[in-house]
Each structure stands twice: as structure tokens, then as C-alpha cells.
Amino acid sequence: RMSEFTLGKGLDEKSTLGPLINAKQVATVTELVSDAVSRGATVAIGGVAPGGPGNFYPATVLTDVPLDARILKEEVFGPVAPIAGFDTE
């Protein structure tokens, strides 16, 4: 379902996912996703800011996120769903 989101301005009727608060937040989300990928996570969908005007970041799903990834320890404030496995309850 994450792949069904449409990036766009909040007042655009076709938009289902609006912009982040500012360019700094786009950079932060990009850093967190990059950190997870560098540690072994896989990008299932999304994962790259589209560029151009606006502070947009696509709906993103990360799988196999290692437990030491920053994205599991810091608040993301972006449309990213990190999925990590575990051995205990």
C-alpha cells in the first residue's frame, strides 16, 4: 500500500502524501535511510528524494534493518517504515 501514495502539495486533490517540514528534514530522513542501507537494510520501495521544488520524500519501506541502524533509535519524522527481525519476544 505504501507504493500507492502520491506525492504532492497538500491542497492538490490527487495528493495523498504531502511534503516534510523543510529541506533539513529531507536531508535527515535521507541520512537515516542511507545509514540503514549501509548497514545491510534493503529498500523495498521509495528510498530516494525526488529532487525538484518542495520538501518531498516518498513513502519508503526498508526490510532487514539491522538493530544498530540509527533509524531504529531516532525519530524519523518522515514516511519511512523500517522492518527489523528479532530473535526474542
Protein backbone atom coordinates (compact mmCIF):
# COMPACT_ATOMS: atom_id res chain seq x y z
CA ARG A 1 0.00 0.00 0.00
CA MET A 2 2.89 2.39 0.60
CA SER A 3 3.57 2.36 -3.14
CA GLU A 4 0.08 3.80 -3.74
CA PHE A 5 0.84 7.15 -2.08
CA THR A 6 1.06 10.12 -4.45
CA LEU A 7 3.47 12.92 -3.51
CA GLY A 8 2.09 16.42 -3.91
CA LYS A 9 1.05 19.69 -2.36
CA GLY A 10 -1.44 19.42 0.46
CA LEU A 11 -4.17 21.26 -1.44
CA ASP A 12 -3.84 19.08 -4.54
CA GLU A 13 -6.78 16.63 -4.56
CA LYS A 14 -4.63 13.91 -6.17
CA SER A 15 -2.01 14.17 -3.44
CA THR A 16 -2.06 11.56 -0.68
CA LEU A 17 1.37 12.36 0.81
CA GLY A 18 2.49 15.92 1.41
CA PRO A 19 5.91 17.48 1.95
CA LEU A 20 8.14 17.27 5.00
CA ILE A 21 8.52 20.36 7.20
CA ASN A 22 11.70 21.67 5.50
CA ALA A 23 14.76 20.75 3.42
CA LYS A 24 16.74 19.94 6.57
CA GLN A 25 14.22 17.22 7.42
CA VAL A 26 14.50 15.76 3.92
CA ALA A 27 18.28 15.59 4.48
CA THR A 28 17.78 13.95 7.89
CA VAL A 29 15.44 11.28 6.52
CA THR A 30 17.86 10.68 3.64
CA GLU A 31 20.71 10.22 6.14
CA LEU A 32 18.71 7.76 8.25
CA VAL A 33 17.74 5.68 5.22
CA SER A 34 21.32 5.74 3.89
CA ASP A 35 22.67 4.66 7.27
CA ALA A 36 20.27 1.70 7.38
CA VAL A 37 21.17 0.64 3.84
CA SER A 38 24.90 0.94 4.55
CA ARG A 39 24.39 -1.45 7.48
CA GLY A 40 22.56 -4.03 5.36
CA ALA A 41 18.92 -2.93 5.06
CA THR A 42 17.13 -3.34 1.75
CA VAL A 43 14.94 -0.65 0.18
CA ALA A 44 11.69 -2.37 -0.82
CA ILE A 45 10.09 0.82 -2.18
CA GLY A 46 10.97 4.50 -2.21
CA GLY A 47 14.19 5.50 -0.53
CA VAL A 48 15.22 8.42 -2.73
CA ALA A 49 14.00 12.01 -2.53
CA PRO A 50 12.64 13.05 -5.93
CA GLY A 51 14.50 16.36 -6.07
CA GLY A 52 12.98 19.43 -7.63
CA PRO A 53 10.92 22.01 -5.78
CA GLY A 54 9.32 21.15 -2.45
CA ASN A 55 10.43 19.12 0.53
CA PHE A 56 9.14 15.78 -0.62
CA TYR A 57 10.25 12.29 0.39
CA PRO A 58 8.45 9.22 -0.95
CA ALA A 59 6.76 6.58 1.15
CA THR A 60 9.58 4.15 1.90
CA VAL A 61 9.77 0.60 3.22
CA LEU A 62 13.08 -0.79 4.48
CA THR A 63 13.44 -4.51 5.19
CA ASP A 64 16.10 -6.44 7.08
CA VAL A 65 17.02 -3.33 9.05
CA PRO A 66 19.84 -4.19 11.47
CA LEU A 67 19.19 -3.40 15.11
CA ASP A 68 22.13 -0.98 15.24
CA ALA A 69 20.71 1.25 12.49
CA ARG A 70 20.04 4.84 13.54
CA ILE A 71 16.56 4.71 12.02
CA LEU A 72 15.51 2.31 14.80
CA LYS A 73 16.91 4.58 17.52
CA GLU A 74 15.98 8.08 16.34
CA GLU A 75 12.62 9.61 15.46
CA VAL A 76 12.26 9.70 11.70
CA PHE A 77 9.54 12.34 11.15
CA GLY A 78 9.14 11.08 7.61
CA PRO A 79 7.21 8.42 5.68
CA VAL A 80 9.58 5.52 6.33
CA ALA A 81 8.60 2.07 7.65
CA PRO A 82 11.70 0.23 8.87
CA ILE A 83 11.18 -3.52 9.33
CA ALA A 84 13.61 -5.42 11.54
CA GLY A 85 13.67 -9.02 12.67
CA PHE A 86 14.34 -10.21 16.20
CA ASP A 87 15.06 -13.47 17.99
CA THR A 88 13.28 -12.87 21.30
CA GLU A 89 9.92 -11.51 22.41
